[in-house]
Amino acid sequence: MRDKIIRINWNKPILIDEAIDSVLSECQGLYYISRVWGDKENSLYIGIATKENTIKKRLSSHKRKWLYKYRGKIYVRIGEVIYPKDADATIIKHAESAILLEQGNVFFENTSQTNTYSYTDLYRIENEGDIFELKPKIRMHEHEEA
């Protein structure tokens, strides 16, 4: 059986205010929040946005609700699903769930979806670009129960 593939291109990190003002934040996709304190960068959160609840809206909400408590500089990598071309909210949710199941311990601000992947389709997630702590490939088939 061939894997169903979701390919995500992650942009270079930019400061959160620049990300909120960016044209890229007007769309749906994924976003990856990290913090730089001193000379060390730490991953904080990975999230998704839909056409109705854009990256801009999500980042603005996070900034008001919990990101302000972190010292240092807050950076965002915006992830664009480049395959499949017609990615919808379901595909984006698959990608987030797969990343969190595989790497949930990296994103300590994510409190859900770190222990289960509840979708019927098993995907291979391919991360490219500035992936920082993300694995380049995640195969959900490896998590399938025998």
N, C-alpha and C. Protein backbone atom coordinates (compact mmCIF):
# COMPACT_ATOMS: atom_id res chain seq x y z
N MET A 1 0.82 -1.17 0.00
CA MET A 1 0.00 0.00 0.00
C MET A 1 0.88 1.25 0.00
N ARG A 2 0.56 2.20 -0.87
CA ARG A 2 1.30 3.46 -0.90
C ARG A 2 0.82 4.37 0.20
N ASP A 3 1.76 5.08 0.79
CA ASP A 3 1.40 6.06 1.81
C ASP A 3 0.64 7.22 1.19
N LYS A 4 -0.32 7.73 1.91
CA LYS A 4 -0.90 9.02 1.55
C LYS A 4 0.06 10.05 2.13
N ILE A 5 0.37 11.06 1.35
CA ILE A 5 1.41 12.01 1.73
C ILE A 5 0.82 13.38 2.00
N ILE A 6 1.34 14.01 3.04
CA ILE A 6 1.10 15.44 3.29
C ILE A 6 2.48 16.07 3.38
N ARG A 7 2.76 17.01 2.50
CA ARG A 7 4.07 17.69 2.49
C ARG A 7 3.87 19.12 2.95
N ILE A 8 4.66 19.52 3.93
CA ILE A 8 4.55 20.85 4.51
C ILE A 8 5.88 21.58 4.34
N ASN A 9 5.81 22.79 3.81
CA ASN A 9 7.00 23.64 3.71
C ASN A 9 6.94 24.67 4.83
N TRP A 10 7.93 24.63 5.70
CA TRP A 10 8.00 25.54 6.85
C TRP A 10 8.90 26.72 6.50
N ASN A 11 8.37 27.92 6.68
CA ASN A 11 9.13 29.13 6.43
C ASN A 11 10.10 29.40 7.56
N LYS A 12 11.07 30.27 7.28
CA LYS A 12 12.02 30.67 8.32
C LYS A 12 11.27 31.35 9.46
N PRO A 13 11.78 31.22 10.69
CA PRO A 13 11.09 31.84 11.82
C PRO A 13 11.13 33.37 11.74
N ILE A 14 9.99 33.96 12.08
CA ILE A 14 9.91 35.42 12.18
C ILE A 14 9.26 35.77 13.51
N LEU A 15 9.54 36.96 14.01
CA LEU A 15 8.95 37.40 15.26
C LEU A 15 7.43 37.35 15.17
N ILE A 16 6.77 37.08 16.27
CA ILE A 16 5.32 36.88 16.26
C ILE A 16 4.58 38.07 15.67
N ASP A 17 4.97 39.30 15.99
CA ASP A 17 4.27 40.45 15.44
C ASP A 17 4.43 40.53 13.92
N GLU A 18 5.60 40.16 13.43
CA GLU A 18 5.81 40.12 11.98
C GLU A 18 4.95 39.03 11.36
N ALA A 19 4.83 37.90 12.05
CA ALA A 19 4.00 36.79 11.54
C ALA A 19 2.54 37.21 11.48
N ILE A 20 2.06 37.90 12.50
CA ILE A 20 0.66 38.36 12.52
C ILE A 20 0.40 39.33 11.38
N ASP A 21 1.38 40.18 11.07
CA ASP A 21 1.24 41.16 9.98
C ASP A 21 1.51 40.58 8.60
N SER A 22 2.04 39.37 8.54
CA SER A 22 2.43 38.76 7.26
C SER A 22 1.21 38.36 6.43
N VAL A 23 1.36 38.46 5.13
CA VAL A 23 0.33 37.99 4.19
C VAL A 23 0.11 36.49 4.37
N LEU A 24 1.15 35.74 4.71
CA LEU A 24 1.03 34.30 4.91
C LEU A 24 0.07 33.95 6.05
N SER A 25 -0.08 34.84 7.01
CA SER A 25 -0.95 34.54 8.15
C SER A 25 -2.43 34.72 7.85
N GLU A 26 -2.74 35.18 6.65
CA GLU A 26 -4.14 35.38 6.25
C GLU A 26 -4.80 34.08 5.80
N CYS A 27 -4.03 33.01 5.74
CA CYS A 27 -4.57 31.78 5.16
C CYS A 27 -4.64 30.66 6.19
N GLN A 28 -5.09 29.50 5.73
CA GLN A 28 -5.11 28.32 6.57
C GLN A 28 -3.77 27.62 6.48
N GLY A 29 -3.49 26.76 7.41
CA GLY A 29 -2.24 26.01 7.41
C GLY A 29 -1.83 25.66 8.82
N LEU A 30 -0.54 25.49 9.00
CA LEU A 30 0.00 25.16 10.32
C LEU A 30 0.95 26.27 10.75
N TYR A 31 1.17 26.35 12.03
CA TYR A 31 2.15 27.29 12.55
C TYR A 31 2.86 26.65 13.74
N TYR A 32 4.11 27.05 13.91
CA TYR A 32 5.02 26.44 14.87
C TYR A 32 5.61 27.59 15.68
N ILE A 33 5.30 27.64 16.96
CA ILE A 33 5.75 28.73 17.84
C ILE A 33 6.94 28.25 18.66
N SER A 34 7.98 29.08 18.69
CA SER A 34 9.15 28.78 19.53
C SER A 34 9.57 30.06 20.26
N ARG A 35 10.43 29.86 21.23
CA ARG A 35 10.92 30.99 22.01
C ARG A 35 12.44 30.95 22.04
N VAL A 36 13.03 32.12 21.89
CA VAL A 36 14.48 32.25 22.05
C VAL A 36 14.73 33.05 23.32
N TRP A 37 15.44 32.43 24.24
CA TRP A 37 15.82 33.06 25.50
C TRP A 37 17.31 32.85 25.65
N GLY A 38 18.05 33.96 25.68
CA GLY A 38 19.50 33.86 25.67
C GLY A 38 19.92 33.34 24.30
N ASP A 39 20.71 32.29 24.30
CA ASP A 39 21.15 31.72 23.02
C ASP A 39 20.48 30.38 22.72
N LYS A 40 19.37 30.09 23.43
CA LYS A 40 18.70 28.80 23.25
C LYS A 40 17.28 28.98 22.72
N GLU A 41 16.94 28.18 21.72
CA GLU A 41 15.59 28.18 21.17
C GLU A 41 14.85 26.93 21.65
N ASN A 42 13.60 27.11 22.08
CA ASN A 42 12.76 26.01 22.53
C ASN A 42 11.44 26.02 21.77
N SER A 43 10.99 24.85 21.39
CA SER A 43 9.67 24.72 20.77
C SER A 43 8.61 24.85 21.85
N LEU A 44 7.52 25.56 21.52
CA LEU A 44 6.44 25.72 22.46
C LEU A 44 5.14 25.07 22.01
N TYR A 45 4.78 25.28 20.75
CA TYR A 45 3.42 24.94 20.33
C TYR A 45 3.36 24.75 18.83
N ILE A 46 2.52 23.84 18.41
CA ILE A 46 2.21 23.71 16.99
C ILE A 46 0.69 23.76 16.89
N GLY A 47 0.21 24.52 15.93
CA GLY A 47 -1.23 24.67 15.78
C GLY A 47 -1.66 24.72 14.33
N ILE A 48 -2.97 24.72 14.16
CA ILE A 48 -3.54 24.77 12.82
C ILE A 48 -4.51 25.92 12.72
N ALA A 49 -4.73 26.33 11.50
CA ALA A 49 -5.68 27.40 11.22
C ALA A 49 -6.47 27.01 9.97
N THR A 50 -7.72 27.42 9.96
CA THR A 50 -8.60 27.15 8.83
C THR A 50 -8.91 28.46 8.13
N LYS A 51 -9.65 28.38 7.04
CA LYS A 51 -10.03 29.59 6.31
C LYS A 51 -10.82 30.55 7.20
N GLU A 52 -11.66 29.99 8.08
CA GLU A 52 -12.47 30.83 8.96
C GLU A 52 -11.68 31.35 10.17
N ASN A 53 -10.74 30.58 10.63
CA ASN A 53 -9.95 30.94 11.81
C ASN A 53 -8.48 30.93 11.40
N THR A 54 -8.05 31.99 10.74
CA THR A 54 -6.74 32.07 10.10
C THR A 54 -5.59 32.04 11.10
N ILE A 55 -4.41 31.87 10.56
CA ILE A 55 -3.19 31.90 11.38
C ILE A 55 -3.11 33.23 12.12
N LYS A 56 -3.42 34.31 11.44
CA LYS A 56 -3.40 35.64 12.07
C LYS A 56 -4.29 35.67 13.31
N LYS A 57 -5.51 35.18 13.18
CA LYS A 57 -6.45 35.16 14.31
C LYS A 57 -5.95 34.28 15.44
N ARG A 58 -5.44 33.10 15.08
CA ARG A 58 -4.94 32.17 16.11
C ARG A 58 -3.75 32.75 16.86
N LEU A 59 -2.79 33.33 16.10
CA LEU A 59 -1.60 33.90 16.76
C LEU A 59 -1.98 35.08 17.66
N SER A 60 -2.88 35.92 17.19
CA SER A 60 -3.32 37.06 18.01
C SER A 60 -3.96 36.57 19.30
N SER A 61 -4.75 35.53 19.22
CA SER A 61 -5.39 34.95 20.40
C SER A 61 -4.36 34.37 21.36
N HIS A 62 -3.40 33.60 20.84
CA HIS A 62 -2.34 33.03 21.69
C HIS A 62 -1.54 34.13 22.38
N LYS A 63 -1.25 35.18 21.64
CA LYS A 63 -0.46 36.28 22.20
C LYS A 63 -1.18 36.91 23.39
N ARG A 64 -2.49 37.08 23.26
CA ARG A 64 -3.27 37.67 24.36
C ARG A 64 -3.45 36.71 25.53
N LYS A 65 -3.62 35.43 25.23
CA LYS A 65 -4.02 34.48 26.28
C LYS A 65 -2.87 33.82 27.03
N TRP A 66 -1.75 33.49 26.38
CA TRP A 66 -0.71 32.79 27.12
C TRP A 66 0.72 33.09 26.70
N LEU A 67 0.96 33.55 25.52
CA LEU A 67 2.34 33.77 25.09
C LEU A 67 3.04 34.91 25.83
N TYR A 68 2.27 35.84 26.33
CA TYR A 68 2.86 36.99 27.03
C TYR A 68 3.64 36.57 28.27
N LYS A 69 3.38 35.38 28.81
CA LYS A 69 4.06 34.95 30.03
C LYS A 69 5.51 34.52 29.80
N TYR A 70 5.90 34.35 28.55
CA TYR A 70 7.26 33.91 28.23
C TYR A 70 8.20 35.09 28.05
N ARG A 71 9.37 34.97 28.67
CA ARG A 71 10.43 35.95 28.44
C ARG A 71 11.16 35.56 27.17
N GLY A 72 11.84 36.53 26.60
CA GLY A 72 12.59 36.26 25.39
C GLY A 72 11.78 36.64 24.17
N LYS A 73 12.25 36.20 23.02
CA LYS A 73 11.60 36.52 21.76
C LYS A 73 10.77 35.33 21.29
N ILE A 74 9.55 35.62 20.86
CA ILE A 74 8.65 34.58 20.37
C ILE A 74 8.70 34.59 18.84
N TYR A 75 9.00 33.42 18.28
CA TYR A 75 9.11 33.26 16.83
C TYR A 75 8.02 32.31 16.32
N VAL A 76 7.68 32.51 15.06
CA VAL A 76 6.69 31.66 14.40
C VAL A 76 7.23 31.20 13.05
N ARG A 77 7.08 29.92 12.80
CA ARG A 77 7.32 29.34 11.47
C ARG A 77 5.94 29.02 10.91
N ILE A 78 5.65 29.52 9.75
CA ILE A 78 4.37 29.24 9.11
C ILE A 78 4.56 28.07 8.16
N GLY A 79 3.70 27.07 8.32
CA GLY A 79 3.77 25.86 7.51
C GLY A 79 2.67 25.83 6.46
N GLU A 80 3.09 25.79 5.22
CA GLU A 80 2.15 25.74 4.10
C GLU A 80 2.09 24.31 3.57
N VAL A 81 0.89 23.75 3.50
CA VAL A 81 0.73 22.42 2.92
C VAL A 81 0.88 22.58 1.41
N ILE A 82 1.96 22.01 0.88
CA ILE A 82 2.21 22.13 -0.56
C ILE A 82 1.78 20.88 -1.32
N TYR A 83 1.51 19.80 -0.58
CA TYR A 83 0.94 18.60 -1.20
C TYR A 83 0.08 17.90 -0.17
N PRO A 84 -1.12 17.57 -0.47
CA PRO A 84 -1.81 17.76 -1.74
C PRO A 84 -2.15 19.23 -1.98
N LYS A 85 -2.25 19.59 -3.24
CA LYS A 85 -2.50 20.99 -3.61
C LYS A 85 -3.83 21.51 -3.07
N ASP A 86 -4.82 20.65 -3.01
CA ASP A 86 -6.15 21.06 -2.57
C ASP A 86 -6.39 20.73 -1.10
N ALA A 87 -5.37 20.93 -0.27
CA ALA A 87 -5.48 20.59 1.15
C ALA A 87 -6.61 21.37 1.81
N ASP A 88 -7.42 20.65 2.55
CA ASP A 88 -8.51 21.27 3.28
C ASP A 88 -8.26 21.14 4.79
N ALA A 89 -9.22 21.56 5.59
CA ALA A 89 -9.07 21.53 7.04
C ALA A 89 -8.81 20.12 7.55
N THR A 90 -9.40 19.12 6.92
CA THR A 90 -9.19 17.73 7.35
C THR A 90 -7.73 17.31 7.18
N ILE A 91 -7.14 17.64 6.05
CA ILE A 91 -5.73 17.31 5.80
C ILE A 91 -4.83 18.03 6.82
N ILE A 92 -5.12 19.29 7.07
CA ILE A 92 -4.33 20.07 8.02
C ILE A 92 -4.43 19.47 9.42
N LYS A 93 -5.63 19.03 9.81
CA LYS A 93 -5.81 18.39 11.11
C LYS A 93 -5.05 17.07 11.19
N HIS A 94 -5.04 16.30 10.11
CA HIS A 94 -4.25 15.07 10.06
C HIS A 94 -2.78 15.39 10.34
N ALA A 95 -2.26 16.39 9.67
CA ALA A 95 -0.85 16.75 9.82
C ALA A 95 -0.54 17.13 11.26
N GLU A 96 -1.35 17.99 11.85
CA GLU A 96 -1.13 18.40 13.24
C GLU A 96 -1.17 17.19 14.17
N SER A 97 -2.19 16.35 14.02
CA SER A 97 -2.33 15.17 14.88
C SER A 97 -1.14 14.24 14.76
N ALA A 98 -0.68 14.01 13.55
CA ALA A 98 0.47 13.13 13.33
C ALA A 98 1.73 13.70 13.98
N ILE A 99 1.96 14.98 13.78
CA ILE A 99 3.15 15.62 14.37
C ILE A 99 3.08 15.55 15.89
N LEU A 100 1.92 15.84 16.47
CA LEU A 100 1.81 15.83 17.92
C LEU A 100 1.93 14.42 18.50
N LEU A 101 1.39 13.43 17.82
CA LEU A 101 1.55 12.06 18.32
C LEU A 101 3.02 11.65 18.28
N GLU A 102 3.70 11.99 17.21
CA GLU A 102 5.10 11.61 17.04
C GLU A 102 6.03 12.43 17.93
N GLN A 103 5.74 13.71 18.11
CA GLN A 103 6.68 14.61 18.77
C GLN A 103 6.04 15.45 19.86
N GLY A 104 4.97 14.97 20.46
CA GLY A 104 4.25 15.74 21.47
C GLY A 104 5.11 16.22 22.62
N ASN A 105 6.16 15.46 22.96
CA ASN A 105 7.02 15.87 24.07
C ASN A 105 7.82 17.14 23.76
N VAL A 106 7.94 17.50 22.49
CA VAL A 106 8.66 18.71 22.10
C VAL A 106 7.80 19.95 22.33
N PHE A 107 6.49 19.79 22.15
CA PHE A 107 5.56 20.93 22.22
C PHE A 107 4.80 20.92 23.54
N PHE A 108 5.44 21.42 24.61
CA PHE A 108 4.84 21.27 25.92
C PHE A 108 3.63 22.17 26.16
N GLU A 109 3.36 23.13 25.30
CA GLU A 109 2.14 23.93 25.44
C GLU A 109 0.94 23.25 24.78
N ASN A 110 1.18 22.24 23.97
CA ASN A 110 0.07 21.47 23.40
C ASN A 110 -0.39 20.47 24.46
N THR A 111 -1.65 20.51 24.79
CA THR A 111 -2.14 19.63 25.85
C THR A 111 -3.08 18.55 25.34
N SER A 112 -3.39 18.57 24.06
CA SER A 112 -4.26 17.52 23.51
C SER A 112 -3.59 16.90 22.29
N GLN A 113 -4.08 15.78 21.87
CA GLN A 113 -3.62 15.06 20.68
C GLN A 113 -2.18 14.56 20.79
N THR A 114 -1.64 14.48 21.97
CA THR A 114 -0.26 14.01 22.09
C THR A 114 -0.19 12.50 22.32
N ASN A 115 -1.33 11.87 22.60
CA ASN A 115 -1.33 10.43 22.88
C ASN A 115 -2.13 9.60 21.88
N THR A 116 -2.92 10.24 21.04
CA THR A 116 -3.74 9.48 20.11
C THR A 116 -3.76 10.12 18.73
N TYR A 117 -4.01 9.27 17.76
CA TYR A 117 -4.21 9.68 16.37
C TYR A 117 -5.46 8.95 15.94
N SER A 118 -6.56 9.68 15.82
CA SER A 118 -7.86 9.02 15.68
C SER A 118 -8.43 9.06 14.27
N TYR A 119 -7.58 9.17 13.27
CA TYR A 119 -8.08 9.24 11.91
C TYR A 119 -7.99 7.88 11.24
N THR A 120 -8.89 7.63 10.29
CA THR A 120 -8.91 6.35 9.61
C THR A 120 -7.82 6.25 8.53
N ASP A 121 -7.42 7.37 7.96
CA ASP A 121 -6.37 7.37 6.96
C ASP A 121 -5.02 7.58 7.63
N LEU A 122 -4.06 6.75 7.24
CA LEU A 122 -2.72 6.89 7.79
C LEU A 122 -1.84 7.61 6.78
N TYR A 123 -1.21 8.67 7.22
CA TYR A 123 -0.43 9.51 6.33
C TYR A 123 1.06 9.43 6.64
N ARG A 124 1.84 9.82 5.65
CA ARG A 124 3.25 10.10 5.85
C ARG A 124 3.37 11.61 5.75
N ILE A 125 3.88 12.23 6.79
CA ILE A 125 4.07 13.68 6.82
C ILE A 125 5.52 13.94 6.42
N GLU A 126 5.70 14.81 5.45
CA GLU A 126 7.04 15.21 5.01
C GLU A 126 7.21 16.69 5.32
N ASN A 127 8.11 16.99 6.24
CA ASN A 127 8.40 18.37 6.63
C ASN A 127 9.65 18.83 5.90
N GLU A 128 9.57 20.00 5.29
CA GLU A 128 10.73 20.55 4.60
C GLU A 128 10.82 22.04 4.91
N GLY A 129 11.96 22.62 4.57
CA GLY A 129 12.19 24.03 4.89
C GLY A 129 12.86 24.14 6.25
N ASP A 130 12.51 25.15 7.02
CA ASP A 130 13.09 25.38 8.34
C ASP A 130 12.29 24.60 9.38
N ILE A 131 12.64 23.33 9.58
CA ILE A 131 11.84 22.45 10.42
C ILE A 131 12.27 22.43 11.88
N PHE A 132 13.36 23.05 12.24
CA PHE A 132 13.89 23.11 13.61
C PHE A 132 13.85 21.74 14.27
N GLU A 133 12.95 21.48 15.21
CA GLU A 133 12.93 20.20 15.92
C GLU A 133 11.98 19.17 15.32
N LEU A 134 11.35 19.50 14.22
CA LEU A 134 10.45 18.54 13.59
C LEU A 134 11.24 17.45 12.87
N LYS A 135 10.70 16.25 12.88
CA LYS A 135 11.31 15.17 12.11
C LYS A 135 11.00 15.41 10.64
N PRO A 136 11.95 15.13 9.75
CA PRO A 136 11.68 15.33 8.32
C PRO A 136 10.55 14.45 7.79
N LYS A 137 10.44 13.23 8.31
CA LYS A 137 9.38 12.31 7.87
C LYS A 137 8.73 11.66 9.09
N ILE A 138 7.41 11.60 9.04
CA ILE A 138 6.64 10.94 10.09
C ILE A 138 5.69 9.99 9.38
N ARG A 139 5.78 8.71 9.69
CA ARG A 139 4.89 7.70 9.10
C ARG A 139 3.93 7.21 10.16
N MET A 140 2.65 7.49 9.96
CA MET A 140 1.66 7.06 10.94
C MET A 140 1.46 5.56 10.92
N HIS A 141 1.88 4.87 9.85
CA HIS A 141 1.78 3.41 9.80
C HIS A 141 2.60 2.77 10.93
N GLU A 142 3.65 3.45 11.36
CA GLU A 142 4.50 2.92 12.42
C GLU A 142 3.78 2.91 13.77
N HIS A 143 2.69 3.67 13.88
CA HIS A 143 1.93 3.73 15.13
C HIS A 143 0.71 2.84 15.11
N GLU A 144 0.48 2.20 13.98
CA GLU A 144 -0.71 1.35 13.83
C GLU A 144 -0.59 0.15 14.76
N GLU A 145 -1.68 -0.13 15.46
CA GLU A 145 -1.69 -1.29 16.37
C GLU A 145 -1.83 -2.58 15.57
N ALA A 146 -1.12 -3.59 15.98
CA ALA A 146 -1.16 -4.87 15.28
C ALA A 146 -2.43 -5.64 15.63
